[in-house]
Amino acid sequence: GYYGLGNTVDADRDLATDAAPYYYQVRRRRVLGYADVTRHLSGPLSA
């Protein structure tokens, strides 16, 4: 979904018509990698 940037609570759904059926959609492709290392500090607290 892509409805614009911001709190678009007033998005006009009528703009998605037969001629523009994907008006509020976008193709998203991504390659992602991450690593998360956690160290216990004290009691229930970790970094």
PDB file of all heavy atoms in Angstrom:
ATOM      1  N   GLY A   1       0.802  -1.214   0.000  1.00  0.00           N
ATOM      2  CA  GLY A   1       0.000   0.000   0.000  1.00  0.00           C
ATOM      3  C   GLY A   1       0.837   1.267   0.000  1.00  0.00           C
ATOM      4  O   GLY A   1       1.866   1.348   0.671  1.00  0.00           O
ATOM      5  N   TYR A   2       0.410   2.251  -0.777  1.00  0.00           N
ATOM      6  CA  TYR A   2       1.020   3.576  -0.717  1.00  0.00           C
ATOM      7  C   TYR A   2      -0.087   4.608  -0.961  1.00  0.00           C
ATOM      8  O   TYR A   2      -0.634   4.705  -2.057  1.00  0.00           O
ATOM      9  CB  TYR A   2       2.132   3.754  -1.751  1.00  0.00           C
ATOM     10  CG  TYR A   2       2.746   5.136  -1.650  1.00  0.00           C
ATOM     11  CD1 TYR A   2       3.667   5.431  -0.642  1.00  0.00           C
ATOM     12  CD2 TYR A   2       2.375   6.157  -2.531  1.00  0.00           C
ATOM     13  CE1 TYR A   2       4.201   6.700  -0.514  1.00  0.00           C
ATOM     14  CE2 TYR A   2       2.903   7.423  -2.406  1.00  0.00           C
ATOM     15  CZ  TYR A   2       3.811   7.695  -1.394  1.00  0.00           C
ATOM     16  OH  TYR A   2       4.331   8.949  -1.261  1.00  0.00           O
ATOM     17  N   TYR A   3      -0.395   5.377   0.089  1.00  0.00           N
ATOM     18  CA  TYR A   3      -1.464   6.370   0.044  1.00  0.00           C
ATOM     19  C   TYR A   3      -0.925   7.788   0.150  1.00  0.00           C
ATOM     20  O   TYR A   3      -1.680   8.731   0.356  1.00  0.00           O
ATOM     21  CB  TYR A   3      -2.444   6.122   1.190  1.00  0.00           C
ATOM     22  CG  TYR A   3      -3.216   4.829   1.066  1.00  0.00           C
ATOM     23  CD1 TYR A   3      -2.591   3.602   1.296  1.00  0.00           C
ATOM     24  CD2 TYR A   3      -4.558   4.823   0.723  1.00  0.00           C
ATOM     25  CE1 TYR A   3      -3.291   2.414   1.188  1.00  0.00           C
ATOM     26  CE2 TYR A   3      -5.272   3.635   0.614  1.00  0.00           C
ATOM     27  CZ  TYR A   3      -4.621   2.432   0.848  1.00  0.00           C
ATOM     28  OH  TYR A   3      -5.319   1.250   0.733  1.00  0.00           O
ATOM     29  N   GLY A   4       0.393   7.941  -0.001  1.00  0.00           N
ATOM     30  CA  GLY A   4       1.026   9.229   0.168  1.00  0.00           C
ATOM     31  C   GLY A   4       1.728   9.305   1.512  1.00  0.00           C
ATOM     32  O   GLY A   4       1.567   8.449   2.378  1.00  0.00           O
ATOM     33  N   LEU A   5       2.539  10.356   1.687  1.00  0.00           N
ATOM     34  CA  LEU A   5       3.252  10.562   2.935  1.00  0.00           C
ATOM     35  C   LEU A   5       2.398  11.387   3.877  1.00  0.00           C
ATOM     36  O   LEU A   5       1.813  12.392   3.478  1.00  0.00           O
ATOM     37  CB  LEU A   5       4.585  11.270   2.674  1.00  0.00           C
ATOM     38  CG  LEU A   5       5.581  10.522   1.782  1.00  0.00           C
ATOM     39  CD1 LEU A   5       6.831  11.365   1.579  1.00  0.00           C
ATOM     40  CD2 LEU A   5       5.945   9.169   2.380  1.00  0.00           C
ATOM     41  N   GLY A   6       2.332  10.956   5.133  1.00  0.00           N
ATOM     42  CA  GLY A   6       1.552  11.688   6.119  1.00  0.00           C
ATOM     43  C   GLY A   6       0.345  10.895   6.572  1.00  0.00           C
ATOM     44  O   GLY A   6       0.056   9.791   6.085  1.00  0.00           O
ATOM     45  N   ASN A   7      -0.381  11.473   7.509  1.00  0.00           N
ATOM     46  CA  ASN A   7      -1.533  10.806   8.101  1.00  0.00           C
ATOM     47  C   ASN A   7      -2.754  10.979   7.204  1.00  0.00           C
ATOM     48  O   ASN A   7      -3.670  11.748   7.495  1.00  0.00           O
ATOM     49  CB  ASN A   7      -1.802  11.387   9.499  1.00  0.00           C
ATOM     50  CG  ASN A   7      -2.613  10.460  10.357  1.00  0.00           C
ATOM     51  OD1 ASN A   7      -2.328   9.273  10.447  1.00  0.00           O
ATOM     52  ND2 ASN A   7      -3.634  10.984  11.000  1.00  0.00           N
ATOM     53  N   THR A   8      -2.768  10.246   6.101  1.00  0.00           N
ATOM     54  CA  THR A   8      -3.749  10.422   5.021  1.00  0.00           C
ATOM     55  C   THR A   8      -5.095   9.802   5.384  1.00  0.00           C
ATOM     56  O   THR A   8      -5.582   8.886   4.713  1.00  0.00           O
ATOM     57  CB  THR A   8      -3.217   9.804   3.726  1.00  0.00           C
ATOM     58  OG1 THR A   8      -2.828   8.436   3.993  1.00  0.00           O
ATOM     59  CG2 THR A   8      -2.008  10.563   3.223  1.00  0.00           C
ATOM     60  N   VAL A   9      -5.722  10.312   6.434  1.00  0.00           N
ATOM     61  CA  VAL A   9      -7.007   9.765   6.847  1.00  0.00           C
ATOM     62  C   VAL A   9      -8.121  10.092   5.858  1.00  0.00           C
ATOM     63  O   VAL A   9      -9.184   9.474   5.865  1.00  0.00           O
ATOM     64  CB  VAL A   9      -7.398  10.287   8.250  1.00  0.00           C
ATOM     65  CG1 VAL A   9      -6.434   9.756   9.294  1.00  0.00           C
ATOM     66  CG2 VAL A   9      -7.421  11.815   8.272  1.00  0.00           C
ATOM     67  N   ASP A  10      -7.876  11.077   4.978  1.00  0.00           N
ATOM     68  CA  ASP A  10      -8.902  11.491   4.024  1.00  0.00           C
ATOM     69  C   ASP A  10      -8.619  10.978   2.615  1.00  0.00           C
ATOM     70  O   ASP A  10      -9.015  11.589   1.622  1.00  0.00           O
ATOM     71  CB  ASP A  10      -9.011  13.017   3.998  1.00  0.00           C
ATOM     72  CG  ASP A  10      -7.676  13.687   3.685  1.00  0.00           C
ATOM     73  OD1 ASP A  10      -6.642  12.987   3.690  1.00  0.00           O
ATOM     74  OD2 ASP A  10      -7.672  14.912   3.449  1.00  0.00           O
ATOM     75  N   ALA A  11      -7.919   9.845   2.495  1.00  0.00           N
ATOM     76  CA  ALA A  11      -7.625   9.281   1.177  1.00  0.00           C
ATOM     77  C   ALA A  11      -8.920   9.031   0.407  1.00  0.00           C
ATOM     78  O   ALA A  11      -9.880   8.474   0.943  1.00  0.00           O
ATOM     79  CB  ALA A  11      -6.845   7.988   1.323  1.00  0.00           C
ATOM     80  N   ASP A  12      -8.948   9.447  -0.848  1.00  0.00           N
ATOM     81  CA  ASP A  12     -10.133   9.322  -1.683  1.00  0.00           C
ATOM     82  C   ASP A  12     -10.120   7.968  -2.396  1.00  0.00           C
ATOM     83  O   ASP A  12      -9.442   7.790  -3.399  1.00  0.00           O
ATOM     84  CB  ASP A  12     -10.170  10.465  -2.701  1.00  0.00           C
ATOM     85  CG  ASP A  12     -11.452  10.482  -3.521  1.00  0.00           C
ATOM     86  OD1 ASP A  12     -12.290   9.565  -3.336  1.00  0.00           O
ATOM     87  OD2 ASP A  12     -11.609  11.398  -4.352  1.00  0.00           O
ATOM     88  N   ARG A  13     -10.874   7.000  -1.879  1.00  0.00           N
ATOM     89  CA  ARG A  13     -10.881   5.659  -2.470  1.00  0.00           C
ATOM     90  C   ARG A  13     -11.492   5.644  -3.865  1.00  0.00           C
ATOM     91  O   ARG A  13     -11.286   4.701  -4.621  1.00  0.00           O
ATOM     92  CB  ARG A  13     -11.647   4.695  -1.567  1.00  0.00           C
ATOM     93  CG  ARG A  13     -11.149   4.637  -0.116  1.00  0.00           C
ATOM     94  CD  ARG A  13      -9.683   4.283  -0.026  1.00  0.00           C
ATOM     95  NE  ARG A  13      -9.187   4.274   1.338  1.00  0.00           N
ATOM     96  CZ  ARG A  13      -9.196   3.212   2.141  1.00  0.00           C
ATOM     97  NH1 ARG A  13      -9.682   2.080   1.706  1.00  0.00           N
ATOM     98  NH2 ARG A  13      -8.707   3.296   3.364  1.00  0.00           N
ATOM     99  N   ASP A  14     -12.246   6.685  -4.239  1.00  0.00           N
ATOM    100  CA  ASP A  14     -12.859   6.721  -5.564  1.00  0.00           C
ATOM    101  C   ASP A  14     -11.820   6.897  -6.666  1.00  0.00           C
ATOM    102  O   ASP A  14     -12.124   6.697  -7.851  1.00  0.00           O
ATOM    103  CB  ASP A  14     -13.877   7.862  -5.641  1.00  0.00           C
ATOM    104  CG  ASP A  14     -15.097   7.611  -4.767  1.00  0.00           C
ATOM    105  OD1 ASP A  14     -15.369   6.432  -4.469  1.00  0.00           O
ATOM    106  OD2 ASP A  14     -15.769   8.586  -4.379  1.00  0.00           O
ATOM    107  N   LEU A  15     -10.582   7.268  -6.295  1.00  0.00           N
ATOM    108  CA  LEU A  15      -9.531   7.415  -7.300  1.00  0.00           C
ATOM    109  C   LEU A  15      -9.048   6.057  -7.827  1.00  0.00           C
ATOM    110  O   LEU A  15      -8.430   6.000  -8.887  1.00  0.00           O
ATOM    111  CB  LEU A  15      -8.351   8.190  -6.705  1.00  0.00           C
ATOM    112  CG  LEU A  15      -8.641   9.659  -6.344  1.00  0.00           C
ATOM    113  CD1 LEU A  15      -7.431  10.295  -5.675  1.00  0.00           C
ATOM    114  CD2 LEU A  15      -9.034  10.444  -7.595  1.00  0.00           C
ATOM    115  N   ALA A  16      -9.307   4.985  -7.080  1.00  0.00           N
ATOM    116  CA  ALA A  16      -8.996   3.636  -7.563  1.00  0.00           C
ATOM    117  C   ALA A  16     -10.152   3.164  -8.437  1.00  0.00           C
ATOM    118  O   ALA A  16     -11.160   2.642  -7.952  1.00  0.00           O
ATOM    119  CB  ALA A  16      -8.772   2.697  -6.386  1.00  0.00           C
ATOM    120  N   THR A  17     -10.032   3.373  -9.743  1.00  0.00           N
ATOM    121  CA  THR A  17     -11.087   3.063 -10.707  1.00  0.00           C
ATOM    122  C   THR A  17     -10.672   1.888 -11.585  1.00  0.00           C
ATOM    123  O   THR A  17      -9.573   1.344 -11.458  1.00  0.00           O
ATOM    124  CB  THR A  17     -11.356   4.291 -11.587  1.00  0.00           C
ATOM    125  OG1 THR A  17     -10.169   4.580 -12.353  1.00  0.00           O
ATOM    126  CG2 THR A  17     -11.710   5.512 -10.727  1.00  0.00           C
ATOM    127  N   ASP A  18     -11.542   1.506 -12.514  1.00  0.00           N
ATOM    128  CA  ASP A  18     -11.201   0.438 -13.453  1.00  0.00           C
ATOM    129  C   ASP A  18     -10.002   0.821 -14.309  1.00  0.00           C
ATOM    130  O   ASP A  18      -9.208  -0.045 -14.694  1.00  0.00           O
ATOM    131  CB  ASP A  18     -12.405   0.140 -14.355  1.00  0.00           C
ATOM    132  CG  ASP A  18     -13.554  -0.513 -13.587  1.00  0.00           C
ATOM    133  OD1 ASP A  18     -13.291  -1.047 -12.501  1.00  0.00           O
ATOM    134  OD2 ASP A  18     -14.696  -0.460 -14.087  1.00  0.00           O
ATOM    135  N   ALA A  19      -9.872   2.114 -14.603  1.00  0.00           N
ATOM    136  CA  ALA A  19      -8.729   2.570 -15.392  1.00  0.00           C
ATOM    137  C   ALA A  19      -7.456   2.675 -14.553  1.00  0.00           C
ATOM    138  O   ALA A  19      -6.351   2.642 -15.096  1.00  0.00           O
ATOM    139  CB  ALA A  19      -9.039   3.933 -16.018  1.00  0.00           C
ATOM    140  N   ALA A  20      -7.592   2.816 -13.242  1.00  0.00           N
ATOM    141  CA  ALA A  20      -6.447   2.909 -12.341  1.00  0.00           C
ATOM    142  C   ALA A  20      -6.705   2.023 -11.118  1.00  0.00           C
ATOM    143  O   ALA A  20      -6.857   2.513  -9.990  1.00  0.00           O
ATOM    144  CB  ALA A  20      -6.207   4.352 -11.921  1.00  0.00           C
ATOM    145  N   PRO A  21      -6.748   0.694 -11.303  1.00  0.00           N
ATOM    146  CA  PRO A  21      -7.113  -0.205 -10.200  1.00  0.00           C
ATOM    147  C   PRO A  21      -6.066  -0.272  -9.098  1.00  0.00           C
ATOM    148  O   PRO A  21      -6.362  -0.711  -7.991  1.00  0.00           O
ATOM    149  CB  PRO A  21      -7.271  -1.561 -10.888  1.00  0.00           C
ATOM    150  CG  PRO A  21      -6.392  -1.471 -12.097  1.00  0.00           C
ATOM    151  CD  PRO A  21      -6.480  -0.047 -12.544  1.00  0.00           C
ATOM    152  N   TYR A  22      -4.828   0.159  -9.400  1.00  0.00           N
ATOM    153  CA  TYR A  22      -3.751   0.082  -8.412  1.00  0.00           C
ATOM    154  C   TYR A  22      -3.334   1.476  -7.943  1.00  0.00           C
ATOM    155  O   TYR A  22      -2.169   1.703  -7.630  1.00  0.00           O
ATOM    156  CB  TYR A  22      -2.549  -0.640  -9.017  1.00  0.00           C
ATOM    157  CG  TYR A  22      -2.900  -1.949  -9.684  1.00  0.00           C
ATOM    158  CD1 TYR A  22      -2.790  -2.093 -11.069  1.00  0.00           C
ATOM    159  CD2 TYR A  22      -3.356  -3.030  -8.940  1.00  0.00           C
ATOM    160  CE1 TYR A  22      -3.121  -3.286 -11.680  1.00  0.00           C
ATOM    161  CE2 TYR A  22      -3.690  -4.234  -9.543  1.00  0.00           C
ATOM    162  CZ  TYR A  22      -3.571  -4.351 -10.921  1.00  0.00           C
ATOM    163  OH  TYR A  22      -3.910  -5.533 -11.527  1.00  0.00           O
ATOM    164  N   TYR A  23      -4.277   2.381  -7.884  1.00  0.00           N
ATOM    165  CA  TYR A  23      -3.942   3.765  -7.564  1.00  0.00           C
ATOM    166  C   TYR A  23      -3.242   3.880  -6.208  1.00  0.00           C
ATOM    167  O   TYR A  23      -2.320   4.685  -6.039  1.00  0.00           O
ATOM    168  CB  TYR A  23      -5.197   4.638  -7.573  1.00  0.00           C
ATOM    169  CG  TYR A  23      -4.886   6.107  -7.405  1.00  0.00           C
ATOM    170  CD1 TYR A  23      -4.460   6.868  -8.491  1.00  0.00           C
ATOM    171  CD2 TYR A  23      -4.984   6.713  -6.159  1.00  0.00           C
ATOM    172  CE1 TYR A  23      -4.146   8.216  -8.345  1.00  0.00           C
ATOM    173  CE2 TYR A  23      -4.672   8.060  -6.003  1.00  0.00           C
ATOM    174  CZ  TYR A  23      -4.259   8.808  -7.104  1.00  0.00           C
ATOM    175  OH  TYR A  23      -3.937  10.130  -6.938  1.00  0.00           O
ATOM    176  N   TYR A  24      -3.644   3.081  -5.241  1.00  0.00           N
ATOM    177  CA  TYR A  24      -3.041   3.148  -3.913  1.00  0.00           C
ATOM    178  C   TYR A  24      -2.145   1.943  -3.626  1.00  0.00           C
ATOM    179  O   TYR A  24      -2.009   1.508  -2.485  1.00  0.00           O
ATOM    180  CB  TYR A  24      -4.132   3.238  -2.847  1.00  0.00           C
ATOM    181  CG  TYR A  24      -4.796   4.601  -2.785  1.00  0.00           C
ATOM    182  CD1 TYR A  24      -6.158   4.740  -2.997  1.00  0.00           C
ATOM    183  CD2 TYR A  24      -4.056   5.756  -2.532  1.00  0.00           C
ATOM    184  CE1 TYR A  24      -6.777   5.984  -2.950  1.00  0.00           C
ATOM    185  CE2 TYR A  24      -4.661   7.006  -2.473  1.00  0.00           C
ATOM    186  CZ  TYR A  24      -6.016   7.106  -2.685  1.00  0.00           C
ATOM    187  OH  TYR A  24      -6.617   8.345  -2.639  1.00  0.00           O
ATOM    188  N   GLN A  25      -1.504   1.405  -4.671  1.00  0.00           N
ATOM    189  CA  GLN A  25      -0.583   0.286  -4.493  1.00  0.00           C
ATOM    190  C   GLN A  25       0.734   0.567  -5.199  1.00  0.00           C
ATOM    191  O   GLN A  25       0.801   1.363  -6.140  1.00  0.00           O
ATOM    192  CB  GLN A  25      -1.196  -1.003  -5.037  1.00  0.00           C
ATOM    193  CG  GLN A  25      -2.407  -1.481  -4.251  1.00  0.00           C
ATOM    194  CD  GLN A  25      -2.965  -2.780  -4.780  1.00  0.00           C
ATOM    195  OE1 GLN A  25      -2.437  -3.357  -5.722  1.00  0.00           O
ATOM    196  NE2 GLN A  25      -4.054  -3.246  -4.176  1.00  0.00           N
ATOM    197  N   VAL A  26       1.786  -0.104  -4.722  1.00  0.00           N
ATOM    198  CA  VAL A  26       3.108   0.024  -5.317  1.00  0.00           C
ATOM    199  C   VAL A  26       3.788  -1.344  -5.228  1.00  0.00           C
ATOM    200  O   VAL A  26       3.522  -2.128  -4.313  1.00  0.00           O
ATOM    201  CB  VAL A  26       3.945   1.100  -4.581  1.00  0.00           C
ATOM    202  CG1 VAL A  26       4.180   0.708  -3.126  1.00  0.00           C
ATOM    203  CG2 VAL A  26       5.272   1.359  -5.287  1.00  0.00           C
ATOM    204  N   ARG A  27       4.622  -1.654  -6.205  1.00  0.00           N
ATOM    205  CA  ARG A  27       5.414  -2.883  -6.154  1.00  0.00           C
ATOM    206  C   ARG A  27       6.676  -2.600  -5.325  1.00  0.00           C
ATOM    207  O   ARG A  27       7.434  -1.675  -5.615  1.00  0.00           O
ATOM    208  CB  ARG A  27       5.800  -3.330  -7.560  1.00  0.00           C
ATOM    209  CG  ARG A  27       6.547  -4.653  -7.596  1.00  0.00           C
ATOM    210  CD  ARG A  27       6.955  -5.018  -9.007  1.00  0.00           C
ATOM    211  NE  ARG A  27       5.799  -5.316  -9.843  1.00  0.00           N
ATOM    212  CZ  ARG A  27       5.365  -4.525 -10.826  1.00  0.00           C
ATOM    213  NH1 ARG A  27       5.976  -3.372 -11.079  1.00  0.00           N
ATOM    214  NH2 ARG A  27       4.323  -4.876 -11.551  1.00  0.00           N
ATOM    215  N   ARG A  28       6.881  -3.400  -4.297  1.00  0.00           N
ATOM    216  CA  ARG A  28       8.011  -3.197  -3.383  1.00  0.00           C
ATOM    217  C   ARG A  28       8.928  -4.415  -3.432  1.00  0.00           C
ATOM    218  O   ARG A  28       8.527  -5.523  -3.122  1.00  0.00           O
ATOM    219  CB  ARG A  28       7.491  -2.998  -1.953  1.00  0.00           C
ATOM    220  CG  ARG A  28       8.559  -2.774  -0.889  1.00  0.00           C
ATOM    221  CD  ARG A  28       7.944  -2.968   0.482  1.00  0.00           C
ATOM    222  NE  ARG A  28       8.786  -2.524   1.570  1.00  0.00           N
ATOM    223  CZ  ARG A  28       8.582  -2.827   2.846  1.00  0.00           C
ATOM    224  NH1 ARG A  28       7.544  -3.576   3.181  1.00  0.00           N
ATOM    225  NH2 ARG A  28       9.381  -2.385   3.797  1.00  0.00           N
ATOM    226  N   ARG A  29      10.185  -4.191  -3.830  1.00  0.00           N
ATOM    227  CA  ARG A  29      11.190  -5.247  -3.844  1.00  0.00           C
ATOM    228  C   ARG A  29      12.328  -4.823  -2.930  1.00  0.00           C
ATOM    229  O   ARG A  29      12.778  -3.680  -2.981  1.00  0.00           O
ATOM    230  CB  ARG A  29      11.718  -5.483  -5.255  1.00  0.00           C
ATOM    231  CG  ARG A  29      10.706  -6.109  -6.201  1.00  0.00           C
ATOM    232  CD  ARG A  29      11.218  -6.137  -7.610  1.00  0.00           C
ATOM    233  NE  ARG A  29      11.278  -4.788  -8.175  1.00  0.00           N
ATOM    234  CZ  ARG A  29      11.003  -4.496  -9.443  1.00  0.00           C
ATOM    235  NH1 ARG A  29      10.641  -5.439 -10.266  1.00  0.00           N
ATOM    236  NH2 ARG A  29      11.085  -3.269  -9.885  1.00  0.00           N
ATOM    237  N   ARG A  30      12.799  -5.760  -2.118  1.00  0.00           N
ATOM    238  CA  ARG A  30      13.899  -5.394  -1.224  1.00  0.00           C
ATOM    239  C   ARG A  30      14.738  -6.613  -0.854  1.00  0.00           C
ATOM    240  O   ARG A  30      14.255  -7.746  -0.811  1.00  0.00           O
ATOM    241  CB  ARG A  30      13.388  -4.719   0.041  1.00  0.00           C
ATOM    242  CG  ARG A  30      12.503  -5.576   0.915  1.00  0.00           C
ATOM    243  CD  ARG A  30      12.165  -4.850   2.207  1.00  0.00           C
ATOM    244  NE  ARG A  30      11.302  -5.652   3.052  1.00  0.00           N
ATOM    245  CZ  ARG A  30      11.119  -5.429   4.353  1.00  0.00           C
ATOM    246  NH1 ARG A  30      11.732  -4.422   4.928  1.00  0.00           N
ATOM    247  NH2 ARG A  30      10.321  -6.199   5.061  1.00  0.00           N
ATOM    248  N   VAL A  31      15.999  -6.333  -0.606  1.00  0.00           N
ATOM    249  CA  VAL A  31      16.937  -7.297  -0.056  1.00  0.00           C
ATOM    250  C   VAL A  31      17.383  -6.728   1.279  1.00  0.00           C
ATOM    251  O   VAL A  31      17.831  -5.580   1.356  1.00  0.00           O
ATOM    252  CB  VAL A  31      18.144  -7.516  -0.985  1.00  0.00           C
ATOM    253  CG1 VAL A  31      19.136  -8.486  -0.345  1.00  0.00           C
ATOM    254  CG2 VAL A  31      17.682  -8.037  -2.348  1.00  0.00           C
ATOM    255  N   LEU A  32      17.230  -7.515   2.322  1.00  0.00           N
ATOM    256  CA  LEU A  32      17.453  -7.031   3.687  1.00  0.00           C
ATOM    257  C   LEU A  32      18.279  -8.035   4.459  1.00  0.00           C
ATOM    258  O   LEU A  32      18.083  -9.248   4.345  1.00  0.00           O
ATOM    259  CB  LEU A  32      16.102  -6.823   4.387  1.00  0.00           C
ATOM    260  CG  LEU A  32      16.092  -6.650   5.917  1.00  0.00           C
ATOM    261  CD1 LEU A  32      16.747  -5.328   6.303  1.00  0.00           C
ATOM    262  CD2 LEU A  32      14.675  -6.729   6.458  1.00  0.00           C
ATOM    263  N   GLY A  33      19.203  -7.523   5.250  1.00  0.00           N
ATOM    264  CA  GLY A  33      19.949  -8.363   6.170  1.00  0.00           C
ATOM    265  C   GLY A  33      20.164  -7.627   7.477  1.00  0.00           C
ATOM    266  O   GLY A  33      20.381  -6.413   7.482  1.00  0.00           O
ATOM    267  N   TYR A  34      20.054  -8.347   8.583  1.00  0.00           N
ATOM    268  CA  TYR A  34      20.343  -7.712   9.866  1.00  0.00           C
ATOM    269  C   TYR A  34      20.833  -8.736  10.868  1.00  0.00           C
ATOM    270  O   TYR A  34      20.609  -9.951  10.728  1.00  0.00           O
ATOM    271  CB  TYR A  34      19.124  -6.960  10.416  1.00  0.00           C
ATOM    272  CG  TYR A  34      17.944  -7.813  10.824  1.00  0.00           C
ATOM    273  CD1 TYR A  34      17.882  -8.436  12.073  1.00  0.00           C
ATOM    274  CD2 TYR A  34      16.857  -7.974   9.965  1.00  0.00           C
ATOM    275  CE1 TYR A  34      16.793  -9.201  12.439  1.00  0.00           C
ATOM    276  CE2 TYR A  34      15.764  -8.743  10.329  1.00  0.00           C
ATOM    277  CZ  TYR A  34      15.742  -9.349  11.568  1.00  0.00           C
ATOM    278  OH  TYR A  34      14.659 -10.117  11.927  1.00  0.00           O
ATOM    279  N   ALA A  35      21.526  -8.239  11.871  1.00  0.00           N
ATOM    280  CA  ALA A  35      21.988  -9.062  12.985  1.00  0.00           C
ATOM    281  C   ALA A  35      21.797  -8.267  14.261  1.00  0.00           C
ATOM    282  O   ALA A  35      22.049  -7.062  14.293  1.00  0.00           O
ATOM    283  CB  ALA A  35      23.449  -9.459  12.813  1.00  0.00           C
ATOM    284  N   ASP A  36      21.327  -8.944  15.308  1.00  0.00           N
ATOM    285  CA  ASP A  36      21.044  -8.305  16.584  1.00  0.00           C
ATOM    286  C   ASP A  36      21.728  -9.099  17.690  1.00  0.00           C
ATOM    287  O   ASP A  36      21.401 -10.262  17.921  1.00  0.00           O
ATOM    288  CB  ASP A  36      19.524  -8.258  16.811  1.00  0.00           C
ATOM    289  CG  ASP A  36      19.126  -7.391  17.993  1.00  0.00           C
ATOM    290  OD1 ASP A  36      19.761  -7.514  19.057  1.00  0.00           O
ATOM    291  OD2 ASP A  36      18.182  -6.609  17.857  1.00  0.00           O
ATOM    292  N   VAL A  37      22.710  -8.478  18.349  1.00  0.00           N
ATOM    293  CA  VAL A  37      23.440  -9.110  19.439  1.00  0.00           C
ATOM    294  C   VAL A  37      22.978  -8.480  20.749  1.00  0.00           C
ATOM    295  O   VAL A  37      22.955  -7.252  20.874  1.00  0.00           O
ATOM    296  CB  VAL A  37      24.954  -8.935  19.286  1.00  0.00           C
ATOM    297  CG1 VAL A  37      25.693  -9.578  20.464  1.00  0.00           C
ATOM    298  CG2 VAL A  37      25.433  -9.546  17.971  1.00  0.00           C
ATOM    299  N   THR A  38      22.603  -9.313  21.714  1.00  0.00           N
ATOM    300  CA  THR A  38      22.086  -8.838  22.990  1.00  0.00           C
ATOM    301  C   THR A  38      22.976  -9.330  24.123  1.00  0.00           C
ATOM    302  O   THR A  38      23.351 -10.503  24.176  1.00  0.00           O
ATOM    303  CB  THR A  38      20.651  -9.336  23.222  1.00  0.00           C
ATOM    304  OG1 THR A  38      19.829  -8.932  22.129  1.00  0.00           O
ATOM    305  CG2 THR A  38      20.077  -8.769  24.514  1.00  0.00           C
ATOM    306  N   ARG A  39      23.295  -8.410  25.044  1.00  0.00           N
ATOM    307  CA  ARG A  39      24.104  -8.723  26.215  1.00  0.00           C
ATOM    308  C   ARG A  39      23.300  -8.452  27.479  1.00  0.00           C
ATOM    309  O   ARG A  39      22.765  -7.360  27.663  1.00  0.00           O
ATOM    310  CB  ARG A  39      25.375  -7.878  26.220  1.00  0.00           C
ATOM    311  CG  ARG A  39      26.199  -7.951  27.501  1.00  0.00           C
ATOM    312  CD  ARG A  39      26.685  -9.348  27.788  1.00  0.00           C
ATOM    313  NE  ARG A  39      27.511  -9.398  29.017  1.00  0.00           N
ATOM    314  CZ  ARG A  39      27.906 -10.519  29.607  1.00  0.00           C
ATOM    315  NH1 ARG A  39      27.543 -11.693  29.093  1.00  0.00           N
ATOM    316  NH2 ARG A  39      28.635 -10.492  30.706  1.00  0.00           N
ATOM    317  N   HIS A  40      23.208  -9.467  28.334  1.00  0.00           N
ATOM    318  CA  HIS A  40      22.514  -9.292  29.608  1.00  0.00           C
ATOM    319  C   HIS A  40      23.326  -8.367  30.508  1.00  0.00           C
ATOM    320  O   HIS A  40      24.545  -8.515  30.652  1.00  0.00           O
ATOM    321  CB  HIS A  40      22.333 -10.649  30.282  1.00  0.00           C
ATOM    322  CG  HIS A  40      21.737 -10.554  31.649  1.00  0.00           C
ATOM    323  ND1 HIS A  40      22.448 -10.802  32.801  1.00  0.00           N
ATOM    324  CD2 HIS A  40      20.485 -10.209  32.049  1.00  0.00           C
ATOM    325  CE1 HIS A  40      21.671 -10.633  33.845  1.00  0.00           C
ATOM    326  NE2 HIS A  40      20.473 -10.272  33.419  1.00  0.00           N
ATOM    327  N   LEU A  41      22.650  -7.392  31.139  1.00  0.00           N
ATOM    328  CA  LEU A  41      23.320  -6.441  32.008  1.00  0.00           C
ATOM    329  C   LEU A  41      23.105  -6.776  33.475  1.00  0.00           C
ATOM    330  O   LEU A  41      24.040  -7.071  34.209  1.00  0.00           O
ATOM    331  CB  LEU A  41      22.828  -5.017  31.713  1.00  0.00           C
ATOM    332  CG  LEU A  41      23.089  -4.481  30.314  1.00  0.00           C
ATOM    333  CD1 LEU A  41      22.500  -3.087  30.155  1.00  0.00           C
ATOM    334  CD2 LEU A  41      24.581  -4.478  30.004  1.00  0.00           C
ATOM    335  N   SER A  42      21.846  -6.744  33.914  1.00  0.00           N
ATOM    336  CA  SER A  42      21.540  -7.020  35.300  1.00  0.00           C
ATOM    337  C   SER A  42      20.054  -7.318  35.440  1.00  0.00           C
ATOM    338  O   SER A  42      19.227  -6.607  34.865  1.00  0.00           O
ATOM    339  CB  SER A  42      21.914  -5.831  36.183  1.00  0.00           C
ATOM    340  OG  SER A  42      21.571  -6.058  37.542  1.00  0.00           O
ATOM    341  N   GLY A  43      19.710  -8.353  36.202  1.00  0.00           N
ATOM    342  CA  GLY A  43      18.301  -8.677  36.399  1.00  0.00           C
ATOM    343  C   GLY A  43      17.600  -8.883  35.075  1.00  0.00           C
ATOM    344  O   GLY A  43      18.059  -9.646  34.217  1.00  0.00           O
ATOM    345  N   PRO A  44      16.482  -8.180  34.845  1.00  0.00           N
ATOM    346  CA  PRO A  44      15.755  -8.327  33.581  1.00  0.00           C
ATOM    347  C   PRO A  44      16.238  -7.373  32.484  1.00  0.00           C
ATOM    348  O   PRO A  44      15.636  -7.304  31.420  1.00  0.00           O
ATOM    349  CB  PRO A  44      14.322  -7.984  33.981  1.00  0.00           C
ATOM    350  CG  PRO A  44      14.492  -6.968  35.063  1.00  0.00           C
ATOM    351  CD  PRO A  44      15.729  -7.376  35.827  1.00  0.00           C
ATOM    352  N   LEU A  45      17.318  -6.628  32.722  1.00  0.00           N
ATOM    353  CA  LEU A  45      17.768  -5.584  31.792  1.00  0.00           C
ATOM    354  C   LEU A  45      18.899  -6.083  30.903  1.00  0.00           C
ATOM    355  O   LEU A  45      19.858  -6.695  31.376  1.00  0.00           O
ATOM    356  CB  LEU A  45      18.234  -4.350  32.567  1.00  0.00           C
ATOM    357  CG  LEU A  45      18.573  -3.100  31.734  1.00  0.00           C
ATOM    358  CD1 LEU A  45      17.332  -2.582  31.024  1.00  0.00           C
ATOM    359  CD2 LEU A  45      19.180  -2.037  32.630  1.00  0.00           C
ATOM    360  N   SER A  46      18.768  -5.800  29.597  1.00  0.00           N
ATOM    361  CA  SER A  46      19.787  -6.160  28.612  1.00  0.00           C
ATOM    362  C   SER A  46      20.036  -4.994  27.674  1.00  0.00           C
ATOM    363  O   SER A  46      19.219  -4.068  27.573  1.00  0.00           O
ATOM    364  CB  SER A  46      19.361  -7.383  27.792  1.00  0.00           C
ATOM    365  OG  SER A  46      19.172  -8.514  28.601  1.00  0.00           O
ATOM    366  N   ALA A  47      21.169  -5.033  26.986  1.00  0.00           N
ATOM    367  CA  ALA A  47      21.491  -4.060  25.944  1.00  0.00           C
ATOM    368  C   ALA A  47      21.573  -4.788  24.614  1.00  0.00           C
ATOM    369  O   ALA A  47      22.088  -5.909  24.519  1.00  0.00           O
ATOM    370  CB  ALA A  47      22.809  -3.357  26.242  1.00  0.00           C
TER     371      ALA A  47
END
